[in-house]
Amino acid sequence: MVLKKNFSQFVPNHKPVNYADIEKLKSFISSSQKLLVLTGAGISTESGIPDYRSKDVGLYARTNHKPITHQEFLKSDVIRQGYWARNFVGWDRFSRCVPNIVHYTLKDLEMQSGKISVVVTQNVDNLHFKAGSENVIELHGSGFRVLCLKCGSLFSRHYIQEKLLKVNGKVKNISKMIRPDGDVEIPEMFVKTFIPPMCELCGGILKPDIIFFGDNVPKSRVDLIRYKVAHSDSLLVLGSSLSTFSGYRIVLQALEEKKNMAIVNIGPTRADDCVQIKIEAKCGDILHKVVDFH
């Protein structure tokens, strides 16, 4: 069930979908038998999670915030304390975000028509799985898992939240801002007293199982995606500007292998001049109009 909430403040200005674009995308999906779908932050804005780069409404446009880098997280106890304090405060709201019509339509394309061979998502919000999709590769990891950097153990983020609540107490969401990775803005006085989590098995540093800026996607995941691209006949990009190379190289491989490609995104992307179909539209306005399961 799609909960109808209005998160238009996170969606860039866009024109209404026109009939010609609906027909182009419908023909593209109909002609595909093994469709690989690459999704970006532009599909989660419709669930209340802002992106970084969108004109006027993205976080880069509205704030001076820069996401934490992998190197910053590793080098400083103080930086890790601040990050975990913000993540702790933002978790309740971030974890309660629900899928929108785009996520549910992709689930139906996978389950009912068998069109989708795999969804590769750049998002860490778990919304594809919440919608019921099964064949999903999380390119940049998941905010719903926590990794020990010493012993490699994985923990549920919900479990870590319970442990954090025991040592830090309950705190209401004192921030109105949420970021794509669940990070938020909070007062410095709260950060200084916050007790961050440590691995209960080895005492190592815990980090959300997310590829922070400056880190690399694991080679095994890159290789798996390369295999999936090679064994798909077409590529559909939804809600991504393809600014990060980890997503753009999927397009480069598809180009090299002469796959059919289409992009639906508000605003320009890195691959606009390379693909057969580029549609300027909000994904939630068009995708459900081009599929027919009857």
C-alpha atoms as a PDB file:
ATOM      1  CA  MET A   1       0.000   0.000   0.000  1.00  0.00           C
ATOM      2  CA  VAL A   2       1.368   3.422  -0.968  1.00  0.00           C
ATOM      3  CA  LEU A   3       0.893   6.072   1.690  1.00  0.00           C
ATOM      4  CA  LYS A   4      -0.054   9.306  -0.023  1.00  0.00           C
ATOM      5  CA  LYS A   5       2.034  12.016   1.602  1.00  0.00           C
ATOM      6  CA  ASN A   6       3.182  15.204  -0.005  1.00  0.00           C
ATOM      7  CA  PHE A   7       6.966  15.575  -0.071  1.00  0.00           C
ATOM      8  CA  SER A   8       7.029  18.096  -2.901  1.00  0.00           C
ATOM      9  CA  GLN A   9       9.509  20.265  -0.987  1.00  0.00           C
ATOM     10  CA  PHE A  10      12.194  17.689  -1.803  1.00  0.00           C
ATOM     11  CA  VAL A  11      11.322  17.347  -5.507  1.00  0.00           C
ATOM     12  CA  PRO A  12      12.807  19.841  -8.022  1.00  0.00           C
ATOM     13  CA  ASN A  13      10.530  21.891 -10.255  1.00  0.00           C
ATOM     14  CA  HIS A  14       9.376  19.802 -13.194  1.00  0.00           C
ATOM     15  CA  LYS A  15       6.933  19.825 -16.068  1.00  0.00           C
ATOM     16  CA  PRO A  16       3.911  17.525 -16.294  1.00  0.00           C
ATOM     17  CA  VAL A  17       4.494  14.236 -18.086  1.00  0.00           C
ATOM     18  CA  ASN A  18       3.461  14.345 -21.737  1.00  0.00           C
ATOM     19  CA  TYR A  19       1.867  11.589 -23.794  1.00  0.00           C
ATOM     20  CA  ALA A  20       4.849  11.196 -26.131  1.00  0.00           C
ATOM     21  CA  ASP A  21       7.198  10.451 -23.230  1.00  0.00           C
ATOM     22  CA  ILE A  22       4.770   7.917 -21.767  1.00  0.00           C
ATOM     23  CA  GLU A  23       4.616   6.104 -25.103  1.00  0.00           C
ATOM     24  CA  LYS A  24       8.416   6.155 -25.523  1.00  0.00           C
ATOM     25  CA  LEU A  25       9.003   4.648 -22.110  1.00  0.00           C
ATOM     26  CA  LYS A  26       6.202   2.136 -22.557  1.00  0.00           C
ATOM     27  CA  SER A  27       7.729   0.934 -25.821  1.00  0.00           C
ATOM     28  CA  PHE A  28      11.191   0.749 -24.226  1.00  0.00           C
ATOM     29  CA  ILE A  29      10.002  -1.416 -21.317  1.00  0.00           C
ATOM     30  CA  SER A  30       7.797  -3.577 -23.552  1.00  0.00           C
ATOM     31  CA  SER A  31      10.715  -4.397 -25.828  1.00  0.00           C
ATOM     32  CA  SER A  32      12.971  -5.330 -22.898  1.00  0.00           C
ATOM     33  CA  GLN A  33      13.161  -8.900 -21.659  1.00  0.00           C
ATOM     34  CA  LYS A  34      15.964  -8.600 -19.096  1.00  0.00           C
ATOM     35  CA  LEU A  35      15.846  -5.046 -17.813  1.00  0.00           C
ATOM     36  CA  LEU A  36      18.472  -3.783 -15.373  1.00  0.00           C
ATOM     37  CA  VAL A  37      17.197  -0.774 -13.431  1.00  0.00           C
ATOM     38  CA  LEU A  38      19.587   1.688 -11.799  1.00  0.00           C
ATOM     39  CA  THR A  39      17.895   3.895  -9.196  1.00  0.00           C
ATOM     40  CA  GLY A  40      19.159   7.034  -7.495  1.00  0.00           C
ATOM     41  CA  ALA A  41      18.136   9.516  -4.825  1.00  0.00           C
ATOM     42  CA  GLY A  42      15.579  11.048  -7.191  1.00  0.00           C
ATOM     43  CA  ILE A  43      13.150   8.220  -6.514  1.00  0.00           C
ATOM     44  CA  SER A  44      13.438   8.549  -2.722  1.00  0.00           C
ATOM     45  CA  THR A  45      12.673  12.273  -2.656  1.00  0.00           C
ATOM     46  CA  GLU A  46       9.060  11.218  -3.157  1.00  0.00           C
ATOM     47  CA  SER A  47       9.295   9.297   0.148  1.00  0.00           C
ATOM     48  CA  GLY A  48      10.553  12.321   2.058  1.00  0.00           C
ATOM     49  CA  ILE A  49      14.314  11.749   1.765  1.00  0.00           C
ATOM     50  CA  PRO A  50      16.052  14.662   0.032  1.00  0.00           C
ATOM     51  CA  ASP A  51      18.899  14.177  -2.407  1.00  0.00           C
ATOM     52  CA  TYR A  52      22.202  16.030  -2.447  1.00  0.00           C
ATOM     53  CA  ARG A  53      22.432  17.674  -5.854  1.00  0.00           C
ATOM     54  CA  SER A  54      18.993  18.724  -7.147  1.00  0.00           C
ATOM     55  CA  LYS A  55      18.687  22.372  -8.124  1.00  0.00           C
ATOM     56  CA  ASP A  56      17.146  24.572  -5.398  1.00  0.00           C
ATOM     57  CA  VAL A  57      15.893  21.671  -3.208  1.00  0.00           C
ATOM     58  CA  GLY A  58      18.917  19.377  -2.839  1.00  0.00           C
ATOM     59  CA  LEU A  59      20.970  19.544   0.357  1.00  0.00           C
ATOM     60  CA  TYR A  60      23.914  21.154  -1.409  1.00  0.00           C
ATOM     61  CA  ALA A  61      21.603  23.950  -2.550  1.00  0.00           C
ATOM     62  CA  ARG A  62      19.935  24.474   0.837  1.00  0.00           C
ATOM     63  CA  THR A  63      22.819  24.006   3.282  1.00  0.00           C
ATOM     64  CA  ASN A  64      26.594  24.192   3.506  1.00  0.00           C
ATOM     65  CA  HIS A  65      26.733  20.584   4.677  1.00  0.00           C
ATOM     66  CA  LYS A  66      29.174  18.181   3.071  1.00  0.00           C
ATOM     67  CA  PRO A  67      28.762  14.464   3.719  1.00  0.00           C
ATOM     68  CA  ILE A  68      31.282  12.764   5.986  1.00  0.00           C
ATOM     69  CA  THR A  69      34.119  11.072   4.140  1.00  0.00           C
ATOM     70  CA  HIS A  70      35.515   7.610   4.778  1.00  0.00           C
ATOM     71  CA  GLN A  71      38.887   9.074   5.744  1.00  0.00           C
ATOM     72  CA  GLU A  72      37.335  11.515   8.262  1.00  0.00           C
ATOM     73  CA  PHE A  73      35.338   8.738   9.917  1.00  0.00           C
ATOM     74  CA  LEU A  74      38.435   6.549  10.336  1.00  0.00           C
ATOM     75  CA  LYS A  75      40.850   9.134  11.672  1.00  0.00           C
ATOM     76  CA  SER A  76      38.992  10.778  14.552  1.00  0.00           C
ATOM     77  CA  ASP A  77      37.100   9.568  17.641  1.00  0.00           C
ATOM     78  CA  VAL A  78      35.477  13.010  17.873  1.00  0.00           C
ATOM     79  CA  ILE A  79      34.197  12.871  14.283  1.00  0.00           C
ATOM     80  CA  ARG A  80      32.817   9.357  14.834  1.00  0.00           C
ATOM     81  CA  GLN A  81      31.115  10.497  18.038  1.00  0.00           C
ATOM     82  CA  GLY A  82      29.478  13.376  16.176  1.00  0.00           C
ATOM     83  CA  TYR A  83      28.387  11.212  13.278  1.00  0.00           C
ATOM     84  CA  TRP A  84      26.835   8.540  15.510  1.00  0.00           C
ATOM     85  CA  ALA A  85      25.073  11.168  17.631  1.00  0.00           C
ATOM     86  CA  ARG A  86      23.453  12.651  14.537  1.00  0.00           C
ATOM     87  CA  ASN A  87      22.636   9.229  13.087  1.00  0.00           C
ATOM     88  CA  PHE A  88      21.103   8.202  16.421  1.00  0.00           C
ATOM     89  CA  VAL A  89      18.796  11.215  16.473  1.00  0.00           C
ATOM     90  CA  GLY A  90      17.826  10.843  12.819  1.00  0.00           C
ATOM     91  CA  TRP A  91      17.287   7.084  12.862  1.00  0.00           C
ATOM     92  CA  ASP A  92      13.663   7.030  13.968  1.00  0.00           C
ATOM     93  CA  ARG A  93      12.502   9.274  11.149  1.00  0.00           C
ATOM     94  CA  PHE A  94      14.842   7.761   8.532  1.00  0.00           C
ATOM     95  CA  SER A  95      13.884   4.177   9.372  1.00  0.00           C
ATOM     96  CA  ARG A  96      10.164   4.973   9.204  1.00  0.00           C
ATOM     97  CA  CYS A  97      10.226   6.329   5.642  1.00  0.00           C
ATOM     98  CA  VAL A  98       7.983   4.248   3.402  1.00  0.00           C
ATOM     99  CA  PRO A  99       8.188   3.265  -0.269  1.00  0.00           C
ATOM    100  CA  ASN A 100       6.362   5.289  -2.898  1.00  0.00           C
ATOM    101  CA  ILE A 101       4.699   4.396  -6.182  1.00  0.00           C
ATOM    102  CA  VAL A 102       8.051   4.055  -7.968  1.00  0.00           C
ATOM    103  CA  HIS A 103       9.276   1.364  -5.568  1.00  0.00           C
ATOM    104  CA  TYR A 104       5.990  -0.515  -5.770  1.00  0.00           C
ATOM    105  CA  THR A 105       5.841  -0.330  -9.571  1.00  0.00           C
ATOM    106  CA  LEU A 106       9.370  -1.760  -9.820  1.00  0.00           C
ATOM    107  CA  LYS A 107       8.362  -4.547  -7.449  1.00  0.00           C
ATOM    108  CA  ASP A 108       5.389  -5.350  -9.675  1.00  0.00           C
ATOM    109  CA  LEU A 109       7.580  -5.308 -12.794  1.00  0.00           C
ATOM    110  CA  GLU A 110       9.847  -7.844 -11.114  1.00  0.00           C
ATOM    111  CA  MET A 111       7.190 -10.073  -9.582  1.00  0.00           C
ATOM    112  CA  GLN A 112       4.319  -9.946 -12.069  1.00  0.00           C
ATOM    113  CA  SER A 113       5.920  -9.471 -15.457  1.00  0.00           C
ATOM    114  CA  GLY A 114       9.427 -10.801 -14.842  1.00  0.00           C
ATOM    115  CA  LYS A 115      10.787  -7.896 -16.882  1.00  0.00           C
ATOM    116  CA  ILE A 116      13.377  -6.813 -14.348  1.00  0.00           C
ATOM    117  CA  SER A 117      16.498  -8.933 -14.038  1.00  0.00           C
ATOM    118  CA  VAL A 118      17.868  -6.829 -11.160  1.00  0.00           C
ATOM    119  CA  VAL A 119      17.532  -3.427  -9.500  1.00  0.00           C
ATOM    120  CA  VAL A 120      20.845  -1.765  -8.680  1.00  0.00           C
ATOM    121  CA  THR A 121      20.212   1.078  -6.250  1.00  0.00           C
ATOM    122  CA  GLN A 122      22.541   3.872  -5.224  1.00  0.00           C
ATOM    123  CA  ASN A 123      20.268   4.519  -2.231  1.00  0.00           C
ATOM    124  CA  VAL A 124      20.911   3.213   1.288  1.00  0.00           C
ATOM    125  CA  ASP A 125      17.328   3.618   2.549  1.00  0.00           C
ATOM    126  CA  ASN A 126      16.065   0.018   2.183  1.00  0.00           C
ATOM    127  CA  LEU A 127      12.910   1.204   0.405  1.00  0.00           C
ATOM    128  CA  HIS A 128      13.119  -1.316  -2.456  1.00  0.00           C
ATOM    129  CA  PHE A 129      13.097  -4.174   0.039  1.00  0.00           C
ATOM    130  CA  LYS A 130      10.304  -2.546   2.047  1.00  0.00           C
ATOM    131  CA  ALA A 131       8.243  -2.447  -1.162  1.00  0.00           C
ATOM    132  CA  GLY A 132       8.788  -6.179  -1.689  1.00  0.00           C
ATOM    133  CA  SER A 133      11.472  -6.287  -4.386  1.00  0.00           C
ATOM    134  CA  GLU A 134      13.766  -9.281  -3.982  1.00  0.00           C
ATOM    135  CA  ASN A 135      16.466  -9.004  -6.650  1.00  0.00           C
ATOM    136  CA  VAL A 136      18.182  -5.831  -5.456  1.00  0.00           C
ATOM    137  CA  ILE A 137      21.877  -4.936  -5.262  1.00  0.00           C
ATOM    138  CA  GLU A 138      22.651  -2.063  -2.900  1.00  0.00           C
ATOM    139  CA  LEU A 139      25.538  -0.412  -4.715  1.00  0.00           C
ATOM    140  CA  HIS A 140      26.496   1.863  -1.814  1.00  0.00           C
ATOM    141  CA  GLY A 141      25.443  -0.449   1.006  1.00  0.00           C
ATOM    142  CA  SER A 142      22.612  -0.012   3.488  1.00  0.00           C
ATOM    143  CA  GLY A 143      21.927   2.289   6.406  1.00  0.00           C
ATOM    144  CA  PHE A 144      20.024  -0.605   7.968  1.00  0.00           C
ATOM    145  CA  ARG A 145      23.202  -2.599   8.642  1.00  0.00           C
ATOM    146  CA  VAL A 146      26.210  -1.790  10.834  1.00  0.00           C
ATOM    147  CA  LEU A 147      29.696  -3.160  10.150  1.00  0.00           C
ATOM    148  CA  CYS A 148      32.578  -3.745  12.572  1.00  0.00           C
ATOM    149  CA  LEU A 149      35.727  -2.477  10.894  1.00  0.00           C
ATOM    150  CA  LYS A 150      37.901  -4.795  13.005  1.00  0.00           C
ATOM    151  CA  CYS A 151      36.258  -8.244  12.918  1.00  0.00           C
ATOM    152  CA  GLY A 152      33.833  -7.739  10.022  1.00  0.00           C
ATOM    153  CA  SER A 153      30.703  -8.630  12.008  1.00  0.00           C
ATOM    154  CA  LEU A 154      27.391  -7.234  10.798  1.00  0.00           C
ATOM    155  CA  PHE A 155      24.611  -6.006  13.068  1.00  0.00           C
ATOM    156  CA  SER A 156      21.079  -4.792  12.468  1.00  0.00           C
ATOM    157  CA  ARG A 157      20.868  -1.004  12.727  1.00  0.00           C
ATOM    158  CA  HIS A 158      17.665  -1.468  14.760  1.00  0.00           C
ATOM    159  CA  TYR A 159      19.636  -3.592  17.265  1.00  0.00           C
ATOM    160  CA  ILE A 160      22.366  -0.950  17.525  1.00  0.00           C
ATOM    161  CA  GLN A 161      19.709   1.703  18.133  1.00  0.00           C
ATOM    162  CA  GLU A 162      18.364  -0.295  21.080  1.00  0.00           C
ATOM    163  CA  LYS A 163      21.865  -0.500  22.563  1.00  0.00           C
ATOM    164  CA  LEU A 164      22.418   3.236  22.029  1.00  0.00           C
ATOM    165  CA  LEU A 165      19.131   4.049  23.745  1.00  0.00           C
ATOM    166  CA  LYS A 166      20.264   2.161  26.866  1.00  0.00           C
ATOM    167  CA  VAL A 167      23.403   4.274  27.323  1.00  0.00           C
ATOM    168  CA  ASN A 168      22.233   7.591  25.883  1.00  0.00           C
ATOM    169  CA  GLY A 169      18.583   7.667  26.909  1.00  0.00           C
ATOM    170  CA  LYS A 170      15.611   8.645  24.848  1.00  0.00           C
ATOM    171  CA  VAL A 171      15.832  11.776  22.757  1.00  0.00           C
ATOM    172  CA  LYS A 172      13.175  13.398  20.661  1.00  0.00           C
ATOM    173  CA  ASN A 173      14.053  14.299  17.090  1.00  0.00           C
ATOM    174  CA  ILE A 174      15.595  17.718  17.626  1.00  0.00           C
ATOM    175  CA  SER A 175      16.285  18.213  13.934  1.00  0.00           C
ATOM    176  CA  LYS A 176      13.971  19.072  11.069  1.00  0.00           C
ATOM    177  CA  MET A 177      16.587  18.175   8.457  1.00  0.00           C
ATOM    178  CA  ILE A 178      17.191  14.661   7.197  1.00  0.00           C
ATOM    179  CA  ARG A 179      19.857  13.545   4.723  1.00  0.00           C
ATOM    180  CA  PRO A 180      20.021  10.642   2.267  1.00  0.00           C
ATOM    181  CA  ASP A 181      22.123   8.569   4.705  1.00  0.00           C
ATOM    182  CA  GLY A 182      19.998   9.367   7.773  1.00  0.00           C
ATOM    183  CA  ASP A 183      22.399  12.023   9.078  1.00  0.00           C
ATOM    184  CA  VAL A 184      20.831  15.128  10.677  1.00  0.00           C
ATOM    185  CA  GLU A 185      21.783  18.427  12.321  1.00  0.00           C
ATOM    186  CA  ILE A 186      21.806  18.488  16.152  1.00  0.00           C
ATOM    187  CA  PRO A 187      23.136  20.835  18.904  1.00  0.00           C
ATOM    188  CA  GLU A 188      26.823  20.475  19.761  1.00  0.00           C
ATOM    189  CA  MET A 189      26.011  20.071  23.473  1.00  0.00           C
ATOM    190  CA  PHE A 190      24.231  16.797  22.699  1.00  0.00           C
ATOM    191  CA  VAL A 191      27.191  15.525  20.671  1.00  0.00           C
ATOM    192  CA  LYS A 192      29.721  16.075  23.489  1.00  0.00           C
ATOM    193  CA  THR A 193      27.883  13.792  25.897  1.00  0.00           C
ATOM    194  CA  PHE A 194      26.955  11.097  23.395  1.00  0.00           C
ATOM    195  CA  ILE A 195      28.344   7.568  23.854  1.00  0.00           C
ATOM    196  CA  PRO A 196      28.919   5.957  20.420  1.00  0.00           C
ATOM    197  CA  PRO A 197      28.618   2.210  19.825  1.00  0.00           C
ATOM    198  CA  MET A 198      31.485  -0.282  19.828  1.00  0.00           C
ATOM    199  CA  CYS A 199      31.491  -3.874  18.607  1.00  0.00           C
ATOM    200  CA  GLU A 200      30.233  -6.144  21.377  1.00  0.00           C
ATOM    201  CA  LEU A 201      32.311  -9.030  19.983  1.00  0.00           C
ATOM    202  CA  CYS A 202      35.763  -7.473  19.649  1.00  0.00           C
ATOM    203  CA  GLY A 203      35.527  -3.847  20.786  1.00  0.00           C
ATOM    204  CA  GLY A 204      36.187  -2.577  17.264  1.00  0.00           C
ATOM    205  CA  ILE A 205      34.898   0.552  15.545  1.00  0.00           C
ATOM    206  CA  LEU A 206      31.348   0.311  14.225  1.00  0.00           C
ATOM    207  CA  LYS A 207      30.317   2.044  11.010  1.00  0.00           C
ATOM    208  CA  PRO A 208      27.050   1.961   9.066  1.00  0.00           C
ATOM    209  CA  ASP A 209      27.481  -0.485   6.176  1.00  0.00           C
ATOM    210  CA  ILE A 210      27.509   2.429   3.733  1.00  0.00           C
ATOM    211  CA  ILE A 211      30.103   3.433   1.160  1.00  0.00           C
ATOM    212  CA  PHE A 212      31.033   6.887   2.428  1.00  0.00           C
ATOM    213  CA  PHE A 213      32.444   9.472   0.037  1.00  0.00           C
ATOM    214  CA  GLY A 214      36.096   8.664  -0.644  1.00  0.00           C
ATOM    215  CA  ASP A 215      35.660   4.913  -0.129  1.00  0.00           C
ATOM    216  CA  ASN A 216      35.454   2.252  -2.842  1.00  0.00           C
ATOM    217  CA  VAL A 217      32.641  -0.145  -3.658  1.00  0.00           C
ATOM    218  CA  PRO A 218      33.870  -3.686  -2.832  1.00  0.00           C
ATOM    219  CA  LYS A 219      35.322  -5.444  -5.872  1.00  0.00           C
ATOM    220  CA  SER A 220      32.991  -8.425  -5.427  1.00  0.00           C
ATOM    221  CA  ARG A 221      29.975  -6.108  -5.706  1.00  0.00           C
ATOM    222  CA  VAL A 222      31.433  -4.328  -8.743  1.00  0.00           C
ATOM    223  CA  ASP A 223      32.068  -7.682 -10.419  1.00  0.00           C
ATOM    224  CA  LEU A 224      28.544  -8.895  -9.665  1.00  0.00           C
ATOM    225  CA  ILE A 225      27.029  -5.764 -11.198  1.00  0.00           C
ATOM    226  CA  ARG A 226      29.254  -6.094 -14.266  1.00  0.00           C
ATOM    227  CA  TYR A 227      27.936  -9.640 -14.681  1.00  0.00           C
ATOM    228  CA  LYS A 228      24.324  -8.465 -14.295  1.00  0.00           C
ATOM    229  CA  VAL A 229      24.802  -5.707 -16.885  1.00  0.00           C
ATOM    230  CA  ALA A 230      26.372  -8.159 -19.330  1.00  0.00           C
ATOM    231  CA  HIS A 231      23.406 -10.524 -18.961  1.00  0.00           C
ATOM    232  CA  SER A 232      20.724  -7.840 -19.326  1.00  0.00           C
ATOM    233  CA  ASP A 233      19.427  -6.550 -22.647  1.00  0.00           C
ATOM    234  CA  SER A 234      18.621  -2.990 -21.556  1.00  0.00           C
ATOM    235  CA  LEU A 235      19.286  -0.393 -18.865  1.00  0.00           C
ATOM    236  CA  LEU A 236      16.768   1.988 -17.297  1.00  0.00           C
ATOM    237  CA  VAL A 237      18.109   4.782 -15.066  1.00  0.00           C
ATOM    238  CA  LEU A 238      15.597   6.328 -12.662  1.00  0.00           C
ATOM    239  CA  GLY A 239      16.209   9.425 -10.574  1.00  0.00           C
ATOM    240  CA  SER A 240      19.984   9.680 -10.843  1.00  0.00           C
ATOM    241  CA  SER A 241      22.215  12.397 -12.234  1.00  0.00           C
ATOM    242  CA  LEU A 242      24.977   9.746 -12.515  1.00  0.00           C
ATOM    243  CA  SER A 243      27.405  12.165 -10.867  1.00  0.00           C
ATOM    244  CA  THR A 244      29.161   9.419  -8.923  1.00  0.00           C
ATOM    245  CA  PHE A 245      31.416   7.188 -11.007  1.00  0.00           C
ATOM    246  CA  SER A 246      30.156   4.015  -9.323  1.00  0.00           C
ATOM    247  CA  GLY A 247      26.802   4.561 -11.043  1.00  0.00           C
ATOM    248  CA  TYR A 248      28.144   6.118 -14.234  1.00  0.00           C
ATOM    249  CA  ARG A 249      30.398   3.157 -15.003  1.00  0.00           C
ATOM    250  CA  ILE A 250      27.275   0.983 -15.265  1.00  0.00           C
ATOM    251  CA  VAL A 251      26.170   3.250 -18.115  1.00  0.00           C
ATOM    252  CA  LEU A 252      29.634   3.092 -19.683  1.00  0.00           C
ATOM    253  CA  GLN A 253      29.546  -0.705 -19.699  1.00  0.00           C
ATOM    254  CA  ALA A 254      26.043  -0.719 -21.184  1.00  0.00           C
ATOM    255  CA  LEU A 255      27.216   1.667 -23.894  1.00  0.00           C
ATOM    256  CA  GLU A 256      30.224  -0.494 -24.685  1.00  0.00           C
ATOM    257  CA  GLU A 257      27.980  -3.545 -24.945  1.00  0.00           C
ATOM    258  CA  LYS A 258      25.417  -1.647 -27.051  1.00  0.00           C
ATOM    259  CA  LYS A 259      22.485  -2.117 -24.680  1.00  0.00           C
ATOM    260  CA  ASN A 260      19.273  -0.176 -25.147  1.00  0.00           C
ATOM    261  CA  MET A 261      19.162   2.614 -22.556  1.00  0.00           C
ATOM    262  CA  ALA A 262      16.672   5.096 -21.170  1.00  0.00           C
ATOM    263  CA  ILE A 263      16.939   7.729 -18.427  1.00  0.00           C
ATOM    264  CA  VAL A 264      14.115   9.323 -16.436  1.00  0.00           C
ATOM    265  CA  ASN A 265      15.343  12.199 -14.294  1.00  0.00           C
ATOM    266  CA  ILE A 266      14.494  15.786 -13.436  1.00  0.00           C
ATOM    267  CA  GLY A 267      17.417  17.841 -14.689  1.00  0.00           C
ATOM    268  CA  PRO A 268      20.534  16.914 -16.652  1.00  0.00           C
ATOM    269  CA  THR A 269      22.565  13.759 -16.158  1.00  0.00           C
ATOM    270  CA  ARG A 270      26.101  12.770 -17.010  1.00  0.00           C
ATOM    271  CA  ALA A 271      24.874  10.490 -19.795  1.00  0.00           C
ATOM    272  CA  ASP A 272      22.236  12.593 -21.567  1.00  0.00           C
ATOM    273  CA  ASP A 273      24.189  12.642 -24.817  1.00  0.00           C
ATOM    274  CA  CYS A 274      24.836   8.891 -24.753  1.00  0.00           C
ATOM    275  CA  VAL A 275      21.401   7.303 -24.430  1.00  0.00           C
ATOM    276  CA  GLN A 276      18.602   6.672 -26.889  1.00  0.00           C
ATOM    277  CA  ILE A 277      15.861   8.001 -24.581  1.00  0.00           C
ATOM    278  CA  LYS A 278      16.103  10.809 -22.002  1.00  0.00           C
ATOM    279  CA  ILE A 279      12.877  11.864 -20.322  1.00  0.00           C
ATOM    280  CA  GLU A 280      12.662  14.929 -18.065  1.00  0.00           C
ATOM    281  CA  ALA A 281      10.034  13.876 -15.548  1.00  0.00           C
ATOM    282  CA  LYS A 282       9.346  12.947 -11.958  1.00  0.00           C
ATOM    283  CA  CYS A 283       9.637   9.170 -11.811  1.00  0.00           C
ATOM    284  CA  GLY A 284       6.461   8.866  -9.755  1.00  0.00           C
ATOM    285  CA  ASP A 285       4.477  10.696 -12.439  1.00  0.00           C
ATOM    286  CA  ILE A 286       5.405   8.418 -15.318  1.00  0.00           C
ATOM    287  CA  LEU A 287       6.556   4.912 -14.376  1.00  0.00           C
ATOM    288  CA  HIS A 288       3.205   3.547 -13.193  1.00  0.00           C
ATOM    289  CA  LYS A 289       1.551   4.890 -16.358  1.00  0.00           C
ATOM    290  CA  VAL A 290       3.679   2.819 -18.709  1.00  0.00           C
ATOM    291  CA  VAL A 291       3.208  -0.638 -17.204  1.00  0.00           C
ATOM    292  CA  ASP A 292       0.250  -2.878 -17.867  1.00  0.00           C
ATOM    293  CA  PHE A 293      -0.053  -6.186 -16.071  1.00  0.00           C
ATOM    294  CA  HIS A 294      -3.372  -7.174 -17.637  1.00  0.00           C
END
